[in-house]
Amino acid sequence: MAVAWPNAFVKGGFRSDIAKTFEVVAIPKPILVGKDGKIIATESELRGEKLHETLERILGITEEVE
């Protein structure tokens, strides 16, 4: 099964420096990154009902997602 978004594997997993920096303690760890490379939203803002609200707020998406 192909993943349709960028993903990575880091040697050391959850003990790696990058995992500690971004507080990755479980998978998946949703992080929305802007064009400028800055983190726009994480975790609960990108799950369930909040996902649509977050995308609407950030991207201006107003269409209903099925």
PDB file of N, CA and C in Angstrom:
ATOM      1  N   MET A   1       0.837  -1.170   0.000  1.00  0.00           N
ATOM      2  CA  MET A   1       0.000   0.000   0.000  1.00  0.00           C
ATOM      3  C   MET A   1       0.890   1.244   0.000  1.00  0.00           C
ATOM      4  N   ALA A   2       0.694   2.114  -0.960  1.00  0.00           N
ATOM      5  CA  ALA A   2       1.491   3.337  -1.066  1.00  0.00           C
ATOM      6  C   ALA A   2       0.914   4.435  -0.176  1.00  0.00           C
ATOM      7  N   VAL A   3       1.785   5.191   0.445  1.00  0.00           N
ATOM      8  CA  VAL A   3       1.380   6.329   1.274  1.00  0.00           C
ATOM      9  C   VAL A   3       1.384   7.567   0.386  1.00  0.00           C
ATOM     10  N   ALA A   4       0.293   8.332   0.417  1.00  0.00           N
ATOM     11  CA  ALA A   4       0.134   9.465  -0.494  1.00  0.00           C
ATOM     12  C   ALA A   4       0.718  10.771   0.033  1.00  0.00           C
ATOM     13  N   TRP A   5       1.461  10.728   1.126  1.00  0.00           N
ATOM     14  CA  TRP A   5       2.046  11.939   1.697  1.00  0.00           C
ATOM     15  C   TRP A   5       3.476  11.624   2.112  1.00  0.00           C
ATOM     16  N   PRO A   6       4.280  12.663   2.270  1.00  0.00           N
ATOM     17  CA  PRO A   6       5.674  12.431   2.675  1.00  0.00           C
ATOM     18  C   PRO A   6       5.745  11.761   4.050  1.00  0.00           C
ATOM     19  N   ASN A   7       6.663  10.838   4.186  1.00  0.00           N
ATOM     20  CA  ASN A   7       6.877  10.177   5.467  1.00  0.00           C
ATOM     21  C   ASN A   7       8.357   9.840   5.578  1.00  0.00           C
ATOM     22  N   ALA A   8       8.780   9.525   6.782  1.00  0.00           N
ATOM     23  CA  ALA A   8      10.198   9.260   6.987  1.00  0.00           C
ATOM     24  C   ALA A   8      10.406   8.236   8.092  1.00  0.00           C
ATOM     25  N   PHE A   9      11.558   7.600   8.048  1.00  0.00           N
ATOM     26  CA  PHE A   9      12.003   6.709   9.113  1.00  0.00           C
ATOM     27  C   PHE A   9      13.300   7.280   9.655  1.00  0.00           C
ATOM     28  N   VAL A  10      13.395   7.387  10.954  1.00  0.00           N
ATOM     29  CA  VAL A  10      14.603   7.920  11.576  1.00  0.00           C
ATOM     30  C   VAL A  10      15.200   6.848  12.467  1.00  0.00           C
ATOM     31  N   LYS A  11      16.464   6.562  12.245  1.00  0.00           N
ATOM     32  CA  LYS A  11      17.154   5.580  13.078  1.00  0.00           C
ATOM     33  C   LYS A  11      17.086   6.043  14.529  1.00  0.00           C
ATOM     34  N   GLY A  12      16.721   5.149  15.414  1.00  0.00           N
ATOM     35  CA  GLY A  12      16.583   5.487  16.826  1.00  0.00           C
ATOM     36  C   GLY A  12      15.129   5.664  17.225  1.00  0.00           C
ATOM     37  N   GLY A  13      14.259   5.770  16.208  1.00  0.00           N
ATOM     38  CA  GLY A  13      12.828   5.863  16.478  1.00  0.00           C
ATOM     39  C   GLY A  13      12.466   6.942  17.477  1.00  0.00           C
ATOM     40  N   PHE A  14      11.661   6.578  18.459  1.00  0.00           N
ATOM     41  CA  PHE A  14      11.164   7.543  19.445  1.00  0.00           C
ATOM     42  C   PHE A  14      12.266   8.101  20.344  1.00  0.00           C
ATOM     43  N   ARG A  15      13.437   7.442  20.360  1.00  0.00           N
ATOM     44  CA  ARG A  15      14.558   7.919  21.171  1.00  0.00           C
ATOM     45  C   ARG A  15      15.467   8.880  20.413  1.00  0.00           C
ATOM     46  N   SER A  16      15.179   9.108  19.120  1.00  0.00           N
ATOM     47  CA  SER A  16      16.034   9.989  18.317  1.00  0.00           C
ATOM     48  C   SER A  16      15.848  11.451  18.723  1.00  0.00           C
ATOM     49  N   ASP A  17      16.833  12.262  18.407  1.00  0.00           N
ATOM     50  CA  ASP A  17      16.758  13.695  18.727  1.00  0.00           C
ATOM     51  C   ASP A  17      15.567  14.362  18.063  1.00  0.00           C
ATOM     52  N   ILE A  18      15.304  14.015  16.800  1.00  0.00           N
ATOM     53  CA  ILE A  18      14.197  14.670  16.093  1.00  0.00           C
ATOM     54  C   ILE A  18      12.846  14.275  16.691  1.00  0.00           C
ATOM     55  N   ALA A  19      12.703  13.031  17.119  1.00  0.00           N
ATOM     56  CA  ALA A  19      11.459  12.601  17.754  1.00  0.00           C
ATOM     57  C   ALA A  19      11.249  13.360  19.065  1.00  0.00           C
ATOM     58  N   LYS A  20      12.315  13.559  19.798  1.00  0.00           N
ATOM     59  CA  LYS A  20      12.229  14.315  21.052  1.00  0.00           C
ATOM     60  C   LYS A  20      11.900  15.784  20.781  1.00  0.00           C
ATOM     61  N   THR A  21      12.536  16.359  19.754  1.00  0.00           N
ATOM     62  CA  THR A  21      12.298  17.765  19.414  1.00  0.00           C
ATOM     63  C   THR A  21      10.827  18.012  19.088  1.00  0.00           C
ATOM     64  N   PHE A  22      10.222  17.107  18.299  1.00  0.00           N
ATOM     65  CA  PHE A  22       8.828  17.279  17.878  1.00  0.00           C
ATOM     66  C   PHE A  22       7.842  16.522  18.761  1.00  0.00           C
ATOM     67  N   GLU A  23       8.344  15.978  19.886  1.00  0.00           N
ATOM     68  CA  GLU A  23       7.513  15.287  20.864  1.00  0.00           C
ATOM     69  C   GLU A  23       6.709  14.138  20.257  1.00  0.00           C
ATOM     70  N   VAL A  24       7.356  13.376  19.383  1.00  0.00           N
ATOM     71  CA  VAL A  24       6.718  12.215  18.775  1.00  0.00           C
ATOM     72  C   VAL A  24       6.860  11.046  19.737  1.00  0.00           C
ATOM     73  N   VAL A  25       5.742  10.618  20.294  1.00  0.00           N
ATOM     74  CA  VAL A  25       5.748   9.497  21.233  1.00  0.00           C
ATOM     75  C   VAL A  25       4.853   8.357  20.756  1.00  0.00           C
ATOM     76  N   ALA A  26       4.164   8.566  19.635  1.00  0.00           N
ATOM     77  CA  ALA A  26       3.301   7.544  19.056  1.00  0.00           C
ATOM     78  C   ALA A  26       3.134   7.828  17.572  1.00  0.00           C
ATOM     79  N   ILE A  27       2.671   6.829  16.863  1.00  0.00           N
ATOM     80  CA  ILE A  27       2.411   6.967  15.433  1.00  0.00           C
ATOM     81  C   ILE A  27       0.939   6.656  15.215  1.00  0.00           C
ATOM     82  N   PRO A  28       0.210   7.445  14.444  1.00  0.00           N
ATOM     83  CA  PRO A  28       0.679   8.605  13.697  1.00  0.00           C
ATOM     84  C   PRO A  28       0.761   9.846  14.571  1.00  0.00           C
ATOM     85  N   LYS A  29       1.597  10.770  14.173  1.00  0.00           N
ATOM     86  CA  LYS A  29       1.751  12.073  14.819  1.00  0.00           C
ATOM     87  C   LYS A  29       1.420  13.105  13.749  1.00  0.00           C
ATOM     88  N   PRO A  30       0.174  13.565  13.687  1.00  0.00           N
ATOM     89  CA  PRO A  30      -0.193  14.517  12.642  1.00  0.00           C
ATOM     90  C   PRO A  30       0.429  15.893  12.883  1.00  0.00           C
ATOM     91  N   ILE A  31       1.113  16.389  11.852  1.00  0.00           N
ATOM     92  CA  ILE A  31       1.723  17.712  11.888  1.00  0.00           C
ATOM     93  C   ILE A  31       1.459  18.367  10.534  1.00  0.00           C
ATOM     94  N   LEU A  32       0.830  19.520  10.537  1.00  0.00           N
ATOM     95  CA  LEU A  32       0.590  20.268   9.311  1.00  0.00           C
ATOM     96  C   LEU A  32       1.639  21.363   9.230  1.00  0.00           C
ATOM     97  N   VAL A  33       2.443  21.316   8.145  1.00  0.00           N
ATOM     98  CA  VAL A  33       3.545  22.251   7.962  1.00  0.00           C
ATOM     99  C   VAL A  33       3.215  23.190   6.812  1.00  0.00           C
ATOM    100  N   GLY A  34       3.411  24.475   7.035  1.00  0.00           N
ATOM    101  CA  GLY A  34       3.143  25.474   6.012  1.00  0.00           C
ATOM    102  C   GLY A  34       4.235  25.530   4.964  1.00  0.00           C
ATOM    103  N   LYS A  35       3.986  26.274   3.893  1.00  0.00           N
ATOM    104  CA  LYS A  35       4.962  26.420   2.809  1.00  0.00           C
ATOM    105  C   LYS A  35       6.282  26.985   3.305  1.00  0.00           C
ATOM    106  N   ASP A  36       6.222  27.768   4.374  1.00  0.00           N
ATOM    107  CA  ASP A  36       7.435  28.383   4.922  1.00  0.00           C
ATOM    108  C   ASP A  36       8.210  27.448   5.850  1.00  0.00           C
ATOM    109  N   GLY A  37       7.687  26.219   6.028  1.00  0.00           N
ATOM    110  CA  GLY A  37       8.361  25.238   6.875  1.00  0.00           C
ATOM    111  C   GLY A  37       7.979  25.311   8.338  1.00  0.00           C
ATOM    112  N   LYS A  38       7.099  26.236   8.686  1.00  0.00           N
ATOM    113  CA  LYS A  38       6.668  26.376  10.080  1.00  0.00           C
ATOM    114  C   LYS A  38       5.471  25.477  10.361  1.00  0.00           C
ATOM    115  N   ILE A  39       5.412  24.949  11.574  1.00  0.00           N
ATOM    116  CA  ILE A  39       4.299  24.108  11.980  1.00  0.00           C
ATOM    117  C   ILE A  39       3.059  24.975  12.170  1.00  0.00           C
ATOM    118  N   ILE A  40       1.974  24.587  11.493  1.00  0.00           N
ATOM    119  CA  ILE A  40       0.713  25.330  11.544  1.00  0.00           C
ATOM    120  C   ILE A  40      -0.241  24.704  12.558  1.00  0.00           C
ATOM    121  N   ALA A  41      -0.287  23.368  12.593  1.00  0.00           N
ATOM    122  CA  ALA A  41      -1.223  22.678  13.489  1.00  0.00           C
ATOM    123  C   ALA A  41      -0.676  21.288  13.797  1.00  0.00           C
ATOM    124  N   THR A  42      -1.091  20.749  14.945  1.00  0.00           N
ATOM    125  CA  THR A  42      -0.682  19.400  15.343  1.00  0.00           C
ATOM    126  C   THR A  42      -1.816  18.697  16.067  1.00  0.00           C
ATOM    127  N   GLU A  43      -1.596  17.420  16.274  1.00  0.00           N
ATOM    128  CA  GLU A  43      -2.420  16.552  17.107  1.00  0.00           C
ATOM    129  C   GLU A  43      -3.928  16.760  17.028  1.00  0.00           C
ATOM    130  N   SER A  44      -4.549  17.201  18.123  1.00  0.00           N
ATOM    131  CA  SER A  44      -6.012  17.248  18.205  1.00  0.00           C
ATOM    132  C   SER A  44      -6.631  18.184  17.184  1.00  0.00           C
ATOM    133  N   GLU A  45      -5.874  19.171  16.694  1.00  0.00           N
ATOM    134  CA  GLU A  45      -6.391  20.075  15.661  1.00  0.00           C
ATOM    135  C   GLU A  45      -6.538  19.365  14.319  1.00  0.00           C
ATOM    136  N   LEU A  46      -5.909  18.203  14.181  1.00  0.00           N
ATOM    137  CA  LEU A  46      -5.902  17.481  12.912  1.00  0.00           C
ATOM    138  C   LEU A  46      -6.581  16.122  13.006  1.00  0.00           C
ATOM    139  N   ARG A  47      -7.440  15.953  13.976  1.00  0.00           N
ATOM    140  CA  ARG A  47      -8.150  14.674  14.154  1.00  0.00           C
ATOM    141  C   ARG A  47      -9.655  14.899  14.236  1.00  0.00           C
ATOM    142  N   GLY A  48     -10.390  13.925  13.733  1.00  0.00           N
ATOM    143  CA  GLY A  48     -11.845  13.942  13.846  1.00  0.00           C
ATOM    144  C   GLY A  48     -12.485  15.200  13.286  1.00  0.00           C
ATOM    145  N   GLU A  49     -13.500  15.682  13.983  1.00  0.00           N
ATOM    146  CA  GLU A  49     -14.248  16.867  13.561  1.00  0.00           C
ATOM    147  C   GLU A  49     -13.368  18.112  13.483  1.00  0.00           C
ATOM    148  N   LYS A  50     -12.352  18.191  14.316  1.00  0.00           N
ATOM    149  CA  LYS A  50     -11.471  19.360  14.343  1.00  0.00           C
ATOM    150  C   LYS A  50     -10.647  19.493  13.065  1.00  0.00           C
ATOM    151  N   LEU A  51     -10.417  18.387  12.359  1.00  0.00           N
ATOM    152  CA  LEU A  51      -9.624  18.447  11.135  1.00  0.00           C
ATOM    153  C   LEU A  51     -10.251  19.403  10.127  1.00  0.00           C
ATOM    154  N   HIS A  52     -11.542  19.245   9.858  1.00  0.00           N
ATOM    155  CA  HIS A  52     -12.227  20.107   8.888  1.00  0.00           C
ATOM    156  C   HIS A  52     -12.198  21.560   9.355  1.00  0.00           C
ATOM    157  N   GLU A  53     -12.448  21.789  10.626  1.00  0.00           N
ATOM    158  CA  GLU A  53     -12.425  23.156  11.169  1.00  0.00           C
ATOM    159  C   GLU A  53     -11.037  23.785  10.996  1.00  0.00           C
ATOM    160  N   THR A  54     -10.002  23.017  11.257  1.00  0.00           N
ATOM    161  CA  THR A  54      -8.636  23.519  11.144  1.00  0.00           C
ATOM    162  C   THR A  54      -8.293  23.854   9.698  1.00  0.00           C
ATOM    163  N   LEU A  55      -8.642  22.945   8.774  1.00  0.00           N
ATOM    164  CA  LEU A  55      -8.354  23.198   7.361  1.00  0.00           C
ATOM    165  C   LEU A  55      -9.144  24.393   6.848  1.00  0.00           C
ATOM    166  N   GLU A  56     -10.372  24.531   7.302  1.00  0.00           N
ATOM    167  CA  GLU A  56     -11.179  25.686   6.901  1.00  0.00           C
ATOM    168  C   GLU A  56     -10.538  26.981   7.391  1.00  0.00           C
ATOM    169  N   ARG A  57     -10.104  26.984   8.630  1.00  0.00           N
ATOM    170  CA  ARG A  57      -9.481  28.167   9.226  1.00  0.00           C
ATOM    171  C   ARG A  57      -8.162  28.518   8.536  1.00  0.00           C
ATOM    172  N   ILE A  58      -7.337  27.525   8.275  1.00  0.00           N
ATOM    173  CA  ILE A  58      -6.002  27.768   7.738  1.00  0.00           C
ATOM    174  C   ILE A  58      -5.998  27.936   6.216  1.00  0.00           C
ATOM    175  N   LEU A  59      -6.738  27.065   5.535  1.00  0.00           N
ATOM    176  CA  LEU A  59      -6.673  27.041   4.073  1.00  0.00           C
ATOM    177  C   LEU A  59      -7.867  27.707   3.394  1.00  0.00           C
ATOM    178  N   GLY A  60      -8.875  28.043   4.179  1.00  0.00           N
ATOM    179  CA  GLY A  60     -10.064  28.650   3.579  1.00  0.00           C
ATOM    180  C   GLY A  60     -10.969  27.647   2.895  1.00  0.00           C
ATOM    181  N   ILE A  61     -10.824  26.361   3.206  1.00  0.00           N
ATOM    182  CA  ILE A  61     -11.664  25.322   2.627  1.00  0.00           C
ATOM    183  C   ILE A  61     -13.020  25.351   3.301  1.00  0.00           C
ATOM    184  N   THR A  62     -14.080  25.523   2.504  1.00  0.00           N
ATOM    185  CA  THR A  62     -15.418  25.594   3.076  1.00  0.00           C
ATOM    186  C   THR A  62     -16.341  24.505   2.574  1.00  0.00           C
ATOM    187  N   GLU A  63     -15.886  23.672   1.647  1.00  0.00           N
ATOM    188  CA  GLU A  63     -16.716  22.586   1.121  1.00  0.00           C
ATOM    189  C   GLU A  63     -16.842  21.469   2.148  1.00  0.00           C
ATOM    190  N   GLU A  64     -18.000  20.814   2.142  1.00  0.00           N
ATOM    191  CA  GLU A  64     -18.235  19.685   3.031  1.00  0.00           C
ATOM    192  C   GLU A  64     -17.436  18.485   2.536  1.00  0.00           C
ATOM    193  N   VAL A  65     -16.703  17.839   3.420  1.00  0.00           N
ATOM    194  CA  VAL A  65     -15.904  16.660   3.085  1.00  0.00           C
ATOM    195  C   VAL A  65     -16.706  15.420   3.438  1.00  0.00           C
ATOM    196  N   GLU A  66     -16.797  14.483   2.502  1.00  0.00           N
ATOM    197  CA  GLU A  66     -17.565  13.252   2.765  1.00  0.00           C
ATOM    198  C   GLU A  66     -16.661  12.164   3.274  1.00  0.00           C
TER     199      GLU A  66
END
